[in-house]
């Protein structure tokens, strides 16, 4: 399962994770999974095959198989959702509207408030501009959600799974 998380993280962030998976599942299996088009999917199929063998050998009971099957289904749904987020770009219209609206609003706001707020207008406009420009910055980070840059949310299920302790020798 940890290899699945590493492969998913690697495909979403477009980084090599072969060295991190080698010590978990072995050089041969890691190389075989890495050479496929979708290593995370290969790891998921491997987990499903292993559970199928355990079920046929009756090493796991019916309720155990049902629970493991639900867990594997949840992992597959999470993988599909993450891949959709990573491969679906935001339309350019959204970036243009956010940028133009932000600048226009921040430019016109002082003129609208000068009568009512007097000397407090620059402070209020600065706070509003800071918030709106923060929204604009946040929008630029949404384009590449799984990147390793700063300012991106690093808590993802695959990141948490890949932080599991090292196996004992």
C-alpha atoms as a PDB file:
ATOM      1  CA  UNK A   1       0.000   0.000   0.000  1.00  0.00           C
ATOM      2  CA  UNK A   2       2.895   2.346   0.711  1.00  0.00           C
ATOM      3  CA  UNK A   3       4.331   1.656  -2.745  1.00  0.00           C
ATOM      4  CA  UNK A   4       0.941   2.606  -4.220  1.00  0.00           C
ATOM      5  CA  UNK A   5       1.063   5.908  -2.331  1.00  0.00           C
ATOM      6  CA  UNK A   6       4.622   6.598  -3.530  1.00  0.00           C
ATOM      7  CA  UNK A   7       3.753   5.783  -7.140  1.00  0.00           C
ATOM      8  CA  UNK A   8       0.641   7.974  -6.987  1.00  0.00           C
ATOM      9  CA  UNK A   9       2.602  10.850  -5.466  1.00  0.00           C
ATOM     10  CA  UNK A  10       5.288  10.423  -8.118  1.00  0.00           C
ATOM     11  CA  UNK A  11       2.839  10.478 -11.004  1.00  0.00           C
ATOM     12  CA  UNK A  12       0.941  13.482  -9.643  1.00  0.00           C
ATOM     13  CA  UNK A  13       4.057  15.518  -8.892  1.00  0.00           C
ATOM     14  CA  UNK A  14       5.950  14.167 -11.911  1.00  0.00           C
ATOM     15  CA  UNK A  15       8.941  13.019  -9.838  1.00  0.00           C
ATOM     16  CA  UNK A  16      10.867   9.759  -9.761  1.00  0.00           C
ATOM     17  CA  UNK A  17       9.992   7.527  -6.795  1.00  0.00           C
ATOM     18  CA  UNK A  18      11.750   4.335  -7.918  1.00  0.00           C
ATOM     19  CA  UNK A  19      14.362   4.584  -5.145  1.00  0.00           C
ATOM     20  CA  UNK A  20      11.712   5.003  -2.446  1.00  0.00           C
ATOM     21  CA  UNK A  21       9.715   2.006  -3.609  1.00  0.00           C
ATOM     22  CA  UNK A  22      12.672  -0.297  -4.152  1.00  0.00           C
ATOM     23  CA  UNK A  23      13.307  -0.789  -0.437  1.00  0.00           C
ATOM     24  CA  UNK A  24       9.597  -1.491   0.119  1.00  0.00           C
ATOM     25  CA  UNK A  25       8.732  -3.989  -2.596  1.00  0.00           C
ATOM     26  CA  UNK A  26      12.066  -5.009  -4.095  1.00  0.00           C
ATOM     27  CA  UNK A  27      14.056  -3.965  -7.138  1.00  0.00           C
ATOM     28  CA  UNK A  28      12.420  -6.318  -9.643  1.00  0.00           C
ATOM     29  CA  UNK A  29       8.801  -5.540  -8.756  1.00  0.00           C
ATOM     30  CA  UNK A  30       9.507  -1.825  -8.461  1.00  0.00           C
ATOM     31  CA  UNK A  31      11.142  -1.760 -11.892  1.00  0.00           C
ATOM     32  CA  UNK A  32       8.253  -3.715 -13.411  1.00  0.00           C
ATOM     33  CA  UNK A  33       5.686  -1.297 -11.974  1.00  0.00           C
ATOM     34  CA  UNK A  34       7.712   1.780 -12.888  1.00  0.00           C
ATOM     35  CA  UNK A  35       7.979   0.646 -16.504  1.00  0.00           C
ATOM     36  CA  UNK A  36       4.171   0.663 -16.949  1.00  0.00           C
ATOM     37  CA  UNK A  37       2.221   3.706 -18.151  1.00  0.00           C
ATOM     38  CA  UNK A  38       0.566   4.125 -14.749  1.00  0.00           C
ATOM     39  CA  UNK A  39       2.705   2.716 -11.902  1.00  0.00           C
ATOM     40  CA  UNK A  40       0.096   3.560  -9.250  1.00  0.00           C
ATOM     41  CA  UNK A  41      -2.493   1.538 -11.148  1.00  0.00           C
ATOM     42  CA  UNK A  42      -0.040  -1.369 -11.435  1.00  0.00           C
ATOM     43  CA  UNK A  43       0.538  -1.258  -7.676  1.00  0.00           C
ATOM     44  CA  UNK A  44      -3.214  -1.199  -7.087  1.00  0.00           C
ATOM     45  CA  UNK A  45      -3.724  -4.207  -9.366  1.00  0.00           C
ATOM     46  CA  UNK A  46      -0.936  -6.026  -7.530  1.00  0.00           C
ATOM     47  CA  UNK A  47      -2.658  -5.389  -4.197  1.00  0.00           C
ATOM     48  CA  UNK A  48      -5.960  -6.624  -5.625  1.00  0.00           C
ATOM     49  CA  UNK A  49      -4.285  -9.755  -7.029  1.00  0.00           C
ATOM     50  CA  UNK A  50      -2.674 -10.494  -3.669  1.00  0.00           C
ATOM     51  CA  UNK A  51      -6.001 -10.112  -1.894  1.00  0.00           C
ATOM     52  CA  UNK A  52      -7.634 -12.364  -4.485  1.00  0.00           C
ATOM     53  CA  UNK A  53      -5.061 -15.084  -3.849  1.00  0.00           C
ATOM     54  CA  UNK A  54      -5.559 -14.778  -0.099  1.00  0.00           C
ATOM     55  CA  UNK A  55      -9.319 -15.034  -0.569  1.00  0.00           C
ATOM     56  CA  UNK A  56      -9.075 -18.103  -2.787  1.00  0.00           C
ATOM     57  CA  UNK A  57      -6.733 -19.767  -0.304  1.00  0.00           C
ATOM     58  CA  UNK A  58      -9.246 -18.874   2.425  1.00  0.00           C
ATOM     59  CA  UNK A  59      -6.542 -17.125   4.419  1.00  0.00           C
ATOM     60  CA  UNK A  60      -8.985 -14.236   4.882  1.00  0.00           C
ATOM     61  CA  UNK A  61     -12.645 -14.661   5.749  1.00  0.00           C
ATOM     62  CA  UNK A  62     -15.633 -13.156   3.948  1.00  0.00           C
ATOM     63  CA  UNK A  63     -15.936 -10.015   6.070  1.00  0.00           C
ATOM     64  CA  UNK A  64     -12.185  -9.442   5.894  1.00  0.00           C
ATOM     65  CA  UNK A  65     -12.283  -9.676   2.113  1.00  0.00           C
ATOM     66  CA  UNK A  66     -15.243  -7.314   2.001  1.00  0.00           C
ATOM     67  CA  UNK A  67     -13.416  -4.753   4.145  1.00  0.00           C
ATOM     68  CA  UNK A  68     -10.218  -5.016   2.120  1.00  0.00           C
ATOM     69  CA  UNK A  69     -12.226  -4.758  -1.101  1.00  0.00           C
ATOM     70  CA  UNK A  70     -13.882  -1.560   0.128  1.00  0.00           C
ATOM     71  CA  UNK A  71     -10.500  -0.140   1.090  1.00  0.00           C
ATOM     72  CA  UNK A  72      -9.053  -0.935  -2.334  1.00  0.00           C
ATOM     73  CA  UNK A  73     -12.100   0.634  -3.982  1.00  0.00           C
ATOM     74  CA  UNK A  74     -11.618   3.788  -1.897  1.00  0.00           C
ATOM     75  CA  UNK A  75      -7.963   3.949  -2.909  1.00  0.00           C
ATOM     76  CA  UNK A  76      -8.935   3.605  -6.576  1.00  0.00           C
ATOM     77  CA  UNK A  77     -11.518   6.389  -6.243  1.00  0.00           C
ATOM     78  CA  UNK A  78      -8.963   8.628  -4.547  1.00  0.00           C
ATOM     79  CA  UNK A  79      -6.474   7.915  -7.341  1.00  0.00           C
ATOM     80  CA  UNK A  80      -9.023   8.764 -10.027  1.00  0.00           C
ATOM     81  CA  UNK A  81     -10.023  11.963  -8.251  1.00  0.00           C
ATOM     82  CA  UNK A  82      -6.419  13.096  -7.835  1.00  0.00           C
ATOM     83  CA  UNK A  83      -5.618  12.330 -11.468  1.00  0.00           C
ATOM     84  CA  UNK A  84      -8.657  14.321 -12.609  1.00  0.00           C
ATOM     85  CA  UNK A  85      -7.576  17.287 -10.505  1.00  0.00           C
ATOM     86  CA  UNK A  86      -4.027  17.067 -11.832  1.00  0.00           C
ATOM     87  CA  UNK A  87      -4.968  16.771 -15.506  1.00  0.00           C
ATOM     88  CA  UNK A  88      -7.888  19.203 -15.734  1.00  0.00           C
ATOM     89  CA  UNK A  89      -6.680  22.772 -16.213  1.00  0.00           C
ATOM     90  CA  UNK A  90      -8.709  25.731 -15.064  1.00  0.00           C
ATOM     91  CA  UNK A  91     -10.147  27.635 -18.020  1.00  0.00           C
ATOM     92  CA  UNK A  92      -8.281  30.808 -18.945  1.00  0.00           C
ATOM     93  CA  UNK A  93     -11.507  32.759 -18.489  1.00  0.00           C
ATOM     94  CA  UNK A  94     -11.345  32.164 -14.746  1.00  0.00           C
ATOM     95  CA  UNK A  95      -7.861  33.616 -14.468  1.00  0.00           C
ATOM     96  CA  UNK A  96      -8.729  36.623 -16.609  1.00  0.00           C
ATOM     97  CA  UNK A  97     -11.908  37.358 -14.683  1.00  0.00           C
ATOM     98  CA  UNK A  98     -10.204  37.041 -11.322  1.00  0.00           C
ATOM     99  CA  UNK A  99      -7.277  39.237 -12.336  1.00  0.00           C
ATOM    100  CA  UNK A 100      -9.334  41.952 -14.049  1.00  0.00           C
ATOM    101  CA  UNK A 101     -11.993  42.029 -11.357  1.00  0.00           C
ATOM    102  CA  UNK A 102      -9.393  42.221  -8.618  1.00  0.00           C
ATOM    103  CA  UNK A 103      -7.528  45.139 -10.163  1.00  0.00           C
ATOM    104  CA  UNK A 104     -10.686  47.005 -11.147  1.00  0.00           C
ATOM    105  CA  UNK A 105     -12.280  46.595  -7.733  1.00  0.00           C
ATOM    106  CA  UNK A 106      -9.134  47.601  -5.859  1.00  0.00           C
ATOM    107  CA  UNK A 107      -8.689  50.627  -8.121  1.00  0.00           C
ATOM    108  CA  UNK A 108     -12.297  51.860  -7.815  1.00  0.00           C
ATOM    109  CA  UNK A 109     -12.848  51.088  -4.124  1.00  0.00           C
ATOM    110  CA  UNK A 110     -11.071  54.190  -2.745  1.00  0.00           C
ATOM    111  CA  UNK A 111     -13.253  56.469  -4.855  1.00  0.00           C
ATOM    112  CA  UNK A 112     -16.394  54.812  -3.538  1.00  0.00           C
ATOM    113  CA  UNK A 113     -15.326  55.033   0.113  1.00  0.00           C
ATOM    114  CA  UNK A 114     -13.726  58.475   0.282  1.00  0.00           C
ATOM    115  CA  UNK A 115     -16.943  60.195   1.365  1.00  0.00           C
ATOM    116  CA  UNK A 116     -17.931  57.751   4.088  1.00  0.00           C
ATOM    117  CA  UNK A 117     -14.609  56.704   5.644  1.00  0.00           C
ATOM    118  CA  UNK A 118     -12.413  59.773   5.186  1.00  0.00           C
ATOM    119  CA  UNK A 119      -8.942  58.979   6.611  1.00  0.00           C
ATOM    120  CA  UNK A 120      -9.747  55.334   7.240  1.00  0.00           C
ATOM    121  CA  UNK A 121     -10.169  54.709   3.490  1.00  0.00           C
ATOM    122  CA  UNK A 122      -6.507  53.861   2.699  1.00  0.00           C
ATOM    123  CA  UNK A 123      -6.328  51.314   5.530  1.00  0.00           C
ATOM    124  CA  UNK A 124      -9.590  49.658   4.531  1.00  0.00           C
ATOM    125  CA  UNK A 125      -8.624  49.574   0.852  1.00  0.00           C
ATOM    126  CA  UNK A 126      -5.215  48.076   1.715  1.00  0.00           C
ATOM    127  CA  UNK A 127      -6.857  45.255   3.698  1.00  0.00           C
ATOM    128  CA  UNK A 128      -9.371  44.536   0.944  1.00  0.00           C
ATOM    129  CA  UNK A 129      -6.643  44.627  -1.722  1.00  0.00           C
ATOM    130  CA  UNK A 130      -4.506  42.236   0.345  1.00  0.00           C
ATOM    131  CA  UNK A 131      -7.388  39.768   0.563  1.00  0.00           C
ATOM    132  CA  UNK A 132      -8.252  39.994  -3.134  1.00  0.00           C
ATOM    133  CA  UNK A 133      -4.641  39.659  -4.247  1.00  0.00           C
ATOM    134  CA  UNK A 134      -4.349  36.664  -1.910  1.00  0.00           C
ATOM    135  CA  UNK A 135      -7.292  35.082  -3.723  1.00  0.00           C
ATOM    136  CA  UNK A 136      -5.499  35.707  -6.990  1.00  0.00           C
ATOM    137  CA  UNK A 137      -2.328  34.054  -5.650  1.00  0.00           C
ATOM    138  CA  UNK A 138      -4.367  31.116  -4.413  1.00  0.00           C
ATOM    139  CA  UNK A 139      -5.891  30.717  -7.872  1.00  0.00           C
ATOM    140  CA  UNK A 140      -2.446  30.466  -9.458  1.00  0.00           C
ATOM    141  CA  UNK A 141      -1.575  27.663  -7.015  1.00  0.00           C
ATOM    142  CA  UNK A 142      -4.689  25.727  -8.026  1.00  0.00           C
ATOM    143  CA  UNK A 143      -3.273  25.244 -11.514  1.00  0.00           C
ATOM    144  CA  UNK A 144      -0.709  22.790 -10.191  1.00  0.00           C
ATOM    145  CA  UNK A 145      -2.169  21.523  -6.931  1.00  0.00           C
ATOM    146  CA  UNK A 146       0.222  18.600  -6.457  1.00  0.00           C
ATOM    147  CA  UNK A 147       3.431  20.548  -7.115  1.00  0.00           C
ATOM    148  CA  UNK A 148       6.245  20.559  -4.612  1.00  0.00           C
ATOM    149  CA  UNK A 149       6.483  24.349  -4.506  1.00  0.00           C
ATOM    150  CA  UNK A 150       5.800  26.310  -1.387  1.00  0.00           C
ATOM    151  CA  UNK A 151       2.331  27.774  -0.898  1.00  0.00           C
ATOM    152  CA  UNK A 152       0.727  24.522  -1.996  1.00  0.00           C
ATOM    153  CA  UNK A 153      -1.202  22.360   0.416  1.00  0.00           C
ATOM    154  CA  UNK A 154       1.088  19.430   1.159  1.00  0.00           C
ATOM    155  CA  UNK A 155      -1.443  17.390   3.096  1.00  0.00           C
ATOM    156  CA  UNK A 156      -2.751  14.782   0.753  1.00  0.00           C
ATOM    157  CA  UNK A 157      -3.656  11.202   1.554  1.00  0.00           C
ATOM    158  CA  UNK A 158      -0.782   9.845  -0.540  1.00  0.00           C
ATOM    159  CA  UNK A 159       1.699  12.097   1.283  1.00  0.00           C
ATOM    160  CA  UNK A 160       0.457  10.819   4.631  1.00  0.00           C
ATOM    161  CA  UNK A 161       0.579   7.185   3.521  1.00  0.00           C
ATOM    162  CA  UNK A 162       4.113   7.551   2.213  1.00  0.00           C
ATOM    163  CA  UNK A 163       5.337   8.754   5.631  1.00  0.00           C
ATOM    164  CA  UNK A 164       4.806   5.363   7.243  1.00  0.00           C
ATOM    165  CA  UNK A 165       7.702   3.881   9.206  1.00  0.00           C
ATOM    166  CA  UNK A 166      10.433   1.901   7.479  1.00  0.00           C
ATOM    167  CA  UNK A 167      10.013  -1.871   7.456  1.00  0.00           C
ATOM    168  CA  UNK A 168      12.105  -3.818   9.922  1.00  0.00           C
ATOM    169  CA  UNK A 169      14.887  -5.962   8.493  1.00  0.00           C
END
